[in-house]
Structure formats: structure tokens, C-alpha cells
Amino acid sequence: MTHIWVRAEQRPNEERVGVTPAGVAALMAAGFAVTVEESAVRAIPIAGYRATGCAIAPANSWPDAPRDAIIFGLKELPEDGTPLPHRHILFGHAYKGQPSGQALLARFKAGGGTLYDIEYLVDDAGRRVAAFGYWAGYAGAAVALKCWAAQARGGVAGPVATYAGRAALLADLAQDMAGLDAPRALVIGALGRVGTGAADLCAAMGMAVTKWDMAETAQGGPFPQVLAHEIFLNCILAQPGCPVFVPQSALTAPRALRVIGDIACDPTSDFSPIKVYDSATDWAAPALRVADDPVLDVTAIDNLPSLLPVESSEDFAGLLLPSLLALDDLDAGVWGRAKALFDQHTHP
């Protein structure tokens, strides 16, 4: 019997979960054993999971889980250097040369475990089977707008926190924008889920939105149109061949641009299309000021969907559940491809 162990998230400000109680019930009905760790912060209360009849374990007890259990979480594990003997499903961010990713792979090699990186769970056509993209885009655009509004009032955006839902977020933004004319936004990657979410937030706030995708960026740059909008939202994952959207020279160039929302948030990648910053921002300090004359702020938070944890969890869990139901065959399909990629990067 395949055993799925749903761990509590240990990263600050992370309330999402990758499977709902209904998903746990479906897994158990299909013959899986499921254990769910308790969590004081998970957006979906433990009572719903307990009602399914699944096993309940103390928070953060996954290192002592049976060796054959598959540990399922979302964000990174504590960076304590310990070997990892289990099979883990999580967002590893390990295959683009990131220093933290290399350290994570070394821990798997030391422990004999396996990483099934959620970012690389793909179907036969290479399309991701599940992602938080829409809500990352929605929340990322919201944070960028908050940064712009704070800047327009002569300040820098303060801390952000979880919202009970979309309506609460929009109401908060309306207060931030009171008395201000809406800025113009350029969304690159507008045809994808991330870009769609970003454009939807902008539209909901009455902003004029320019939507670009591959056709508009195919010539490779430079892209002066980016500098002509007050807000630029990058919704394209960094990868080889990605053009530079904001070069270092933008810091001193004439520009209307005041806020960059790097929703893809991969500043340490060699392929990052935004060259004016090199470290992510966070909930406590969402805006990084990179220029003063004129002002330019960058916001780049790598767990944006957690601002709307209920909507984002339910959306993602629904997309991933069909693949979880196929976990009893780890050598085929989505899981086989993810394992092959892990092997490629750990045993080249």
C-alpha cells in the first residue's frame, strides 16, 4: 500500500497545502494510506482531514516517518544539512544552478532519497500538471500595486499578510488606491496562468493593462515599452534563451517605470530576465528600492499564493489530485519523468 505523508509547512507565512480533505478521502478510497501532520497555520483546519479517517501525526514529525512513506509538502525543507532518505514531493528549485538547490540535491544524494520536484511534474506534452500560477499572478500584481501606491504617497510598502479571500484583498487595495489615478501595467507572459492572474487583478482594479507573450518578445530586445509603463509584471520563468526585459541600464534611463513585480521570482538564476536586483523580497519588506532618481522598487516574493491560501490550495489540489492517484506507479508517467530528471541532475 502506497503511503502518502502530508507534512506541515515549516516556512514562515506558508499556510497552503497540496491536498484537501476531499482529496485525502479520494486517495484513501483508491487504496492509499494517508498521514496528515497537524499544523497550527495550515489554511484548511486539521478537523477536515481527521474526519476522513486518515492517520494524524504531530507537526514536523516527517523525518521519523516510515522509510517507504512518500513525504508530500510544498515549500522548502529546513536547511539543516541532514541527509534525506525519503522520497519527497515538493518545490525544490534545484535544477537551475541555485546554490540552495545544489545543497538540497546533495542532501538527497547523501541520504539515498529522491526528489519529485513539483515544478517539473509534466504530462506527455511537457505541460505542468499542477501549478499555483493563477494565484501567484493575482497576488503578485496586488503586491506590486501596493508598492506603487505606497511609493506614490512618498513611502515604501510595508509588510503584507494573509487575506481571508479575494474580496478582502480587493477591498484592501481599494483603500490603498483611494485618491490615486490607476497606473498602467505591462504583463509579460500574459497568455499563461500566472499572467492571466496578474492581468485579472489589474483589470479588477481598473488599471490599463498591456498584455505581451512570446510573439511580442520574440525579437529578443531591447524592450523600451517596459520602461514606458508604471508597473511591469514578469510572469515568465527564467530559462535558457529568455531575453532580458529590464537591463541594468534601466536604473539610469528615462522611464515611467516605478515598480517591477518579478512574479516568477528567480533572481539568482543566470537566466533571470531582470538584471537590476539579485535577491528576493519577503512579506516583512515586500519592496526593494533599487533606484532613487526616479524611484524604482522591485517586489519579488517567492510564495505569493500564500497571500490567498484557501483559494490557491483548493485550485492547486484539484489540479494535482489525478497525479497523486497515480503515485502507486512511480516508474511511469508524471512521476517517472520527474525521477528521470532528478537522476539526471544527481548522477550525470
Protein backbone atom coordinates (compact mmCIF):
# COMPACT_ATOMS: atom_id res chain seq x y z
CA MET A 1 0.00 0.00 0.00
CA THR A 2 1.45 3.36 -1.05
CA HIS A 3 1.76 5.69 1.94
CA ILE A 4 1.50 9.47 1.43
CA TRP A 5 2.67 11.59 4.36
CA VAL A 6 1.41 15.21 4.17
CA ARG A 7 3.86 17.30 6.18
CA ALA A 8 3.24 20.60 7.93
CA GLU A 9 4.90 23.52 6.18
CA GLN A 10 7.80 24.93 8.19
CA ARG A 11 8.44 28.09 6.23
CA PRO A 12 7.16 31.34 7.78
CA ASN A 13 3.98 32.76 6.19
CA GLU A 14 3.16 29.48 4.48
CA GLU A 15 -0.42 28.33 5.05
CA ARG A 16 -1.04 26.40 1.83
CA VAL A 17 -1.44 22.67 1.48
CA GLY A 18 -1.27 20.47 -1.61
CA VAL A 19 -4.24 18.20 -0.91
CA THR A 20 -7.66 18.96 0.59
CA PRO A 21 -9.70 16.68 2.88
CA ALA A 22 -11.78 15.68 -0.14
CA GLY A 23 -8.56 14.72 -1.91
CA VAL A 24 -7.42 12.66 1.06
CA ALA A 25 -10.76 10.85 1.05
CA ALA A 26 -10.34 10.10 -2.67
CA LEU A 27 -6.82 8.76 -2.10
CA MET A 28 -7.95 6.51 0.72
CA ALA A 29 -10.86 5.24 -1.36
CA ALA A 30 -8.33 4.32 -4.06
CA GLY A 31 -6.32 2.25 -1.58
CA PHE A 32 -3.66 4.68 -0.42
CA ALA A 33 -2.59 5.10 3.19
CA VAL A 34 -2.52 8.78 4.15
CA THR A 35 -0.99 10.51 7.14
CA VAL A 36 -1.51 14.25 7.68
CA GLU A 37 0.60 16.20 10.13
CA GLU A 38 -1.04 18.65 12.46
CA SER A 39 -0.32 22.30 11.71
CA ALA A 40 -1.06 25.47 13.65
CA VAL A 41 -1.04 27.59 10.49
CA ARG A 42 -2.49 25.50 7.66
CA ALA A 43 -5.36 27.36 5.98
CA ILE A 44 -7.51 24.20 5.94
CA PRO A 45 -8.07 23.02 9.54
CA ILE A 46 -6.95 19.56 10.67
CA ALA A 47 -10.54 18.68 11.62
CA GLY A 48 -11.45 18.20 7.98
CA TYR A 49 -8.60 15.73 7.49
CA ARG A 50 -9.36 13.90 10.74
CA ALA A 51 -12.94 13.40 9.55
CA THR A 52 -11.68 11.34 6.59
CA GLY A 53 -10.26 8.73 8.96
CA CYS A 54 -6.68 9.26 7.83
CA ALA A 55 -3.82 9.00 10.32
CA ILE A 56 -2.87 12.23 12.11
CA ALA A 57 0.75 12.84 13.13
CA PRO A 58 2.45 15.61 15.14
CA ALA A 59 3.71 18.60 13.19
CA ASN A 60 7.19 18.23 11.69
CA SER A 61 7.45 14.54 12.54
CA TRP A 62 8.13 13.53 8.92
CA PRO A 63 11.84 12.76 9.48
CA ASP A 64 10.68 9.80 11.60
CA ALA A 65 8.07 8.62 9.08
CA PRO A 66 8.38 5.05 7.80
CA ARG A 67 11.15 4.90 5.22
CA ASP A 68 8.74 3.84 2.46
CA ALA A 69 6.41 6.81 3.02
CA ILE A 70 6.32 9.50 0.34
CA ILE A 71 6.66 12.88 2.07
CA PHE A 72 4.46 15.50 0.42
CA GLY A 73 4.82 19.21 1.08
CA LEU A 74 5.07 22.40 -0.90
CA LYS A 75 7.88 24.72 0.10
CA GLU A 76 11.45 24.02 1.11
CA LEU A 77 12.60 21.85 3.97
CA PRO A 78 14.57 23.26 6.90
CA GLU A 79 18.11 23.92 5.66
CA ASP A 80 19.84 21.90 8.36
CA GLY A 81 22.06 19.84 6.09
CA THR A 82 20.68 16.49 7.22
CA PRO A 83 20.63 13.61 4.70
CA LEU A 84 17.23 12.90 3.15
CA PRO A 85 16.40 9.19 2.88
CA HIS A 86 12.73 9.52 1.94
CA ARG A 87 11.06 10.19 -1.36
CA HIS A 88 9.83 13.81 -1.27
CA ILE A 89 7.32 15.74 -3.36
CA LEU A 90 7.95 19.50 -3.07
CA PHE A 91 9.02 22.60 -4.95
CA GLY A 92 12.78 22.03 -4.89
CA HIS A 93 14.02 24.86 -7.14
CA ALA A 94 17.06 22.67 -7.63
CA TYR A 95 17.72 22.38 -11.35
CA LYS A 96 18.83 25.85 -12.45
CA GLY A 97 22.07 26.10 -10.55
CA GLN A 98 20.66 27.86 -7.49
CA PRO A 99 23.04 27.43 -4.50
CA SER A 100 20.25 26.32 -2.17
CA GLY A 101 19.08 23.83 -4.79
CA GLN A 102 22.53 22.31 -5.09
CA ALA A 103 22.65 21.90 -1.32
CA LEU A 104 19.25 20.18 -1.40
CA LEU A 105 20.35 17.72 -4.08
CA ALA A 106 23.47 16.94 -2.06
CA ARG A 107 21.25 16.02 0.90
CA PHE A 108 19.23 13.63 -1.26
CA LYS A 109 22.41 12.03 -2.56
CA ALA A 110 23.72 11.65 0.98
CA GLY A 111 20.53 10.05 2.26
CA GLY A 112 19.57 8.00 -0.76
CA GLY A 113 16.19 9.68 -1.14
CA THR A 114 14.51 11.08 -4.23
CA LEU A 115 13.12 14.50 -5.13
CA TYR A 116 9.96 14.66 -7.22
CA ASP A 117 10.04 18.40 -7.94
CA ILE A 118 6.51 19.74 -8.34
CA GLU A 119 7.76 22.37 -10.79
CA TYR A 120 8.72 19.54 -13.15
CA LEU A 121 5.68 17.29 -12.90
CA VAL A 122 4.68 17.34 -16.56
CA ASP A 123 2.40 15.45 -18.91
CA ASP A 124 3.37 13.71 -22.14
CA ALA A 125 3.44 17.07 -23.95
CA GLY A 126 5.70 18.68 -21.35
CA ARG A 127 2.97 20.80 -19.76
CA ARG A 128 2.92 21.14 -15.99
CA VAL A 129 0.11 19.14 -14.45
CA ALA A 130 -0.39 21.46 -11.47
CA ALA A 131 0.77 24.92 -10.51
CA PHE A 132 -0.17 27.82 -8.28
CA GLY A 133 0.31 30.10 -11.26
CA TYR A 134 -3.02 31.93 -11.40
CA TRP A 135 -3.00 32.94 -7.75
CA ALA A 136 0.72 33.75 -7.85
CA GLY A 137 -0.05 36.19 -10.65
CA TYR A 138 -3.09 37.61 -8.89
CA ALA A 139 -1.29 38.14 -5.58
CA GLY A 140 1.92 39.31 -7.25
CA ALA A 141 0.11 42.03 -9.14
CA ALA A 142 -1.62 43.05 -5.91
CA VAL A 143 1.68 43.41 -4.06
CA ALA A 144 3.18 45.39 -6.95
CA LEU A 145 0.20 47.73 -6.84
CA LYS A 146 0.58 48.15 -3.08
CA CYS A 147 4.24 49.04 -3.66
CA TRP A 148 3.24 51.60 -6.29
CA ALA A 149 0.57 53.16 -4.05
CA ALA A 150 2.97 53.46 -1.11
CA GLN A 151 5.57 54.99 -3.40
CA ALA A 152 3.03 57.45 -4.84
CA ARG A 153 2.41 58.67 -1.30
CA GLY A 154 6.11 59.16 -0.69
CA GLY A 155 6.80 55.94 1.19
CA VAL A 156 7.84 52.32 0.81
CA ALA A 157 5.39 49.43 1.04
CA GLY A 158 5.04 47.94 4.49
CA PRO A 159 4.52 44.31 5.46
CA VAL A 160 1.88 42.17 3.77
CA ALA A 161 -0.16 39.40 5.37
CA THR A 162 -2.60 36.64 4.54
CA TYR A 163 -6.08 37.57 3.30
CA ALA A 164 -9.23 35.63 4.08
CA GLY A 165 -10.07 35.68 0.38
CA ARG A 166 -10.09 37.60 -2.88
CA ALA A 167 -12.77 40.06 -1.76
CA ALA A 168 -10.74 41.06 1.28
CA LEU A 169 -7.66 41.62 -0.87
CA LEU A 170 -9.52 43.83 -3.36
CA ALA A 171 -11.06 45.86 -0.54
CA ASP A 172 -7.62 46.46 0.96
CA LEU A 173 -6.23 47.55 -2.39
CA ALA A 174 -9.13 49.94 -2.89
CA GLN A 175 -8.17 51.65 0.36
CA ASP A 176 -4.52 51.86 -0.77
CA MET A 177 -5.56 53.41 -4.08
CA ALA A 178 -8.06 55.93 -2.71
CA GLY A 179 -7.47 59.29 -4.39
CA LEU A 180 -4.81 57.96 -6.77
CA ASP A 181 -5.09 57.53 -10.53
CA ALA A 182 -4.52 53.92 -11.55
CA PRO A 183 -1.11 53.20 -13.07
CA ARG A 184 -0.51 51.41 -16.36
CA ALA A 185 0.84 47.87 -16.25
CA LEU A 186 2.69 45.69 -18.75
CA VAL A 187 2.33 41.93 -18.22
CA ILE A 188 4.83 39.68 -19.99
CA GLY A 189 3.65 36.09 -20.11
CA ALA A 190 0.05 37.19 -20.34
CA LEU A 191 -1.22 34.03 -22.03
CA GLY A 192 -0.10 31.74 -19.19
CA ARG A 193 -1.82 31.06 -15.88
CA VAL A 194 0.47 33.44 -13.97
CA GLY A 195 -0.03 36.23 -16.48
CA THR A 196 -3.77 35.66 -16.59
CA GLY A 197 -3.98 36.04 -12.83
CA ALA A 198 -1.86 39.20 -12.90
CA ALA A 199 -3.94 40.76 -15.69
CA ASP A 200 -7.19 39.85 -13.90
CA LEU A 201 -6.08 41.65 -10.74
CA CYS A 202 -5.08 44.72 -12.73
CA ALA A 203 -8.42 44.74 -14.54
CA ALA A 204 -10.30 44.34 -11.25
CA MET A 205 -8.52 47.48 -10.00
CA GLY A 206 -9.36 49.49 -13.14
CA MET A 207 -5.80 49.55 -14.49
CA ALA A 208 -4.91 49.77 -18.16
CA VAL A 209 -3.07 46.53 -18.99
CA THR A 210 -0.75 45.81 -21.91
CA LYS A 211 -0.55 42.05 -22.45
CA TRP A 212 2.56 40.54 -24.03
CA ASP A 213 3.58 36.96 -24.62
CA MET A 214 6.06 35.09 -26.82
CA ALA A 215 5.13 36.88 -30.03
CA GLU A 216 5.89 40.31 -28.58
CA THR A 217 9.25 39.27 -27.11
CA ALA A 218 10.48 37.06 -29.96
CA GLN A 219 12.83 39.74 -31.35
CA GLY A 220 14.91 39.46 -28.18
CA GLY A 221 15.02 43.07 -27.05
CA PRO A 222 15.71 45.69 -26.05
CA PHE A 223 12.18 46.47 -24.91
CA PRO A 224 11.70 50.20 -24.33
CA GLN A 225 7.97 49.57 -23.85
CA VAL A 226 8.74 48.07 -20.43
CA LEU A 227 10.11 51.41 -19.28
CA ALA A 228 7.04 53.23 -20.62
CA HIS A 229 4.66 51.61 -18.08
CA GLU A 230 4.48 52.48 -14.39
CA ILE A 231 4.33 48.80 -13.39
CA PHE A 232 6.00 45.85 -15.11
CA LEU A 233 4.91 42.33 -14.14
CA ASN A 234 7.22 39.49 -15.17
CA CYS A 235 5.29 36.23 -15.39
CA ILE A 236 7.82 34.18 -17.36
CA LEU A 237 10.06 31.59 -15.71
CA ALA A 238 13.77 32.15 -16.18
CA GLN A 239 15.23 29.61 -18.59
CA PRO A 240 17.99 29.41 -21.21
CA GLY A 241 17.30 31.77 -24.09
CA CYS A 242 15.00 34.06 -22.12
CA PRO A 243 15.58 37.67 -23.27
CA VAL A 244 16.45 40.42 -20.81
CA PHE A 245 13.40 42.58 -20.09
CA VAL A 246 14.99 45.03 -17.66
CA PRO A 247 18.75 45.55 -18.12
CA GLN A 248 20.98 47.19 -15.54
CA SER A 249 20.97 50.32 -17.70
CA ALA A 250 17.28 50.83 -16.87
CA LEU A 251 18.29 52.22 -13.48
CA THR A 252 19.56 55.42 -15.07
CA ALA A 253 17.46 55.51 -18.23
CA PRO A 254 14.49 57.87 -18.69
CA ARG A 255 11.45 55.85 -17.66
CA ALA A 256 7.91 55.91 -16.40
CA LEU A 257 8.61 52.54 -14.73
CA ARG A 258 8.32 52.75 -10.94
CA VAL A 259 7.63 49.17 -9.80
CA ILE A 260 8.81 45.80 -11.10
CA GLY A 261 6.78 42.84 -9.91
CA ASP A 262 9.00 39.83 -10.60
CA ILE A 263 6.29 37.28 -10.01
CA ALA A 264 8.39 34.45 -11.47
CA CYS A 265 10.95 35.40 -8.78
CA ASP A 266 14.17 33.66 -9.73
CA PRO A 267 16.77 36.40 -9.14
CA THR A 268 19.71 34.05 -8.51
CA SER A 269 19.29 32.26 -11.83
CA ASP A 270 21.78 33.06 -14.58
CA PHE A 271 18.78 33.33 -16.89
CA SER A 272 16.84 35.94 -14.91
CA PRO A 273 15.35 38.49 -17.33
CA ILE A 274 15.53 41.27 -14.73
CA LYS A 275 19.07 42.49 -14.08
CA VAL A 276 18.50 45.28 -11.56
CA TYR A 277 18.34 43.12 -8.42
CA ASP A 278 19.72 39.81 -7.15
CA SER A 279 17.75 38.77 -4.05
CA ALA A 280 14.11 38.03 -3.32
CA THR A 281 11.97 40.22 -1.10
CA ASP A 282 9.64 38.92 1.60
CA TRP A 283 6.39 39.55 3.45
CA ALA A 284 8.01 41.78 6.04
CA ALA A 285 9.66 44.01 3.43
CA PRO A 286 7.99 43.41 0.06
CA ALA A 287 9.68 46.30 -1.77
CA LEU A 288 13.39 46.57 -2.57
CA ARG A 289 14.38 50.07 -3.65
CA VAL A 290 16.94 49.80 -6.45
CA ALA A 291 16.95 53.43 -7.69
CA ASP A 292 16.10 56.81 -6.21
CA ASP A 293 16.01 59.24 -9.15
CA PRO A 294 13.46 58.44 -10.31
CA VAL A 295 12.38 55.89 -7.74
CA LEU A 296 12.24 52.23 -8.74
CA ASP A 297 11.11 49.41 -6.45
CA VAL A 298 11.28 45.67 -7.09
CA THR A 299 8.97 43.21 -5.39
CA ALA A 300 9.85 39.52 -5.71
CA ILE A 301 8.20 37.22 -3.18
CA ASP A 302 8.53 33.52 -3.87
CA ASN A 303 5.44 32.27 -2.05
CA LEU A 304 2.89 34.76 -3.33
CA PRO A 305 -0.10 32.36 -3.50
CA SER A 306 0.09 32.11 0.29
CA LEU A 307 -1.47 35.57 0.46
CA LEU A 308 -4.68 33.80 -0.61
CA PRO A 309 -4.06 30.35 0.91
CA VAL A 310 -7.56 28.88 0.71
CA GLU A 311 -8.24 29.69 -2.95
CA SER A 312 -4.74 28.75 -4.03
CA SER A 313 -4.72 25.47 -2.10
CA GLU A 314 -8.09 24.36 -3.44
CA ASP A 315 -7.14 25.24 -7.01
CA PHE A 316 -3.75 23.53 -6.89
CA ALA A 317 -5.01 20.45 -5.05
CA GLY A 318 -7.69 19.89 -7.65
CA LEU A 319 -5.13 20.02 -10.44
CA LEU A 320 -2.65 17.70 -8.71
CA LEU A 321 -5.04 15.05 -7.39
CA PRO A 322 -5.17 12.94 -10.61
CA SER A 323 -1.39 12.63 -10.47
CA LEU A 324 -1.41 11.76 -6.76
CA LEU A 325 -3.86 8.99 -7.57
CA ALA A 326 -1.19 7.57 -9.90
CA LEU A 327 1.53 7.51 -7.20
CA ASP A 328 1.36 3.74 -6.95
CA ASP A 329 3.39 3.60 -10.18
CA LEU A 330 6.41 5.84 -9.65
CA ASP A 331 8.23 4.50 -12.69
CA ALA A 332 5.73 5.77 -15.25
CA GLY A 333 4.09 8.95 -16.44
CA VAL A 334 4.44 12.15 -14.44
CA TRP A 335 6.44 10.52 -11.65
CA GLY A 336 8.74 8.58 -13.93
CA ARG A 337 9.65 11.76 -15.80
CA ALA A 338 10.30 13.61 -12.54
CA LYS A 339 12.53 10.78 -11.30
CA ALA A 340 14.48 10.76 -14.56
CA LEU A 341 15.15 14.48 -14.20
CA PHE A 342 16.31 14.01 -10.61
CA ASP A 343 18.64 11.21 -11.70
CA GLN A 344 20.00 13.39 -14.49
CA HIS A 345 20.99 16.12 -12.03
CA THR A 346 22.33 13.85 -9.30
CA HIS A 347 24.07 11.19 -11.42
CA PRO A 348 25.07 12.96 -14.63
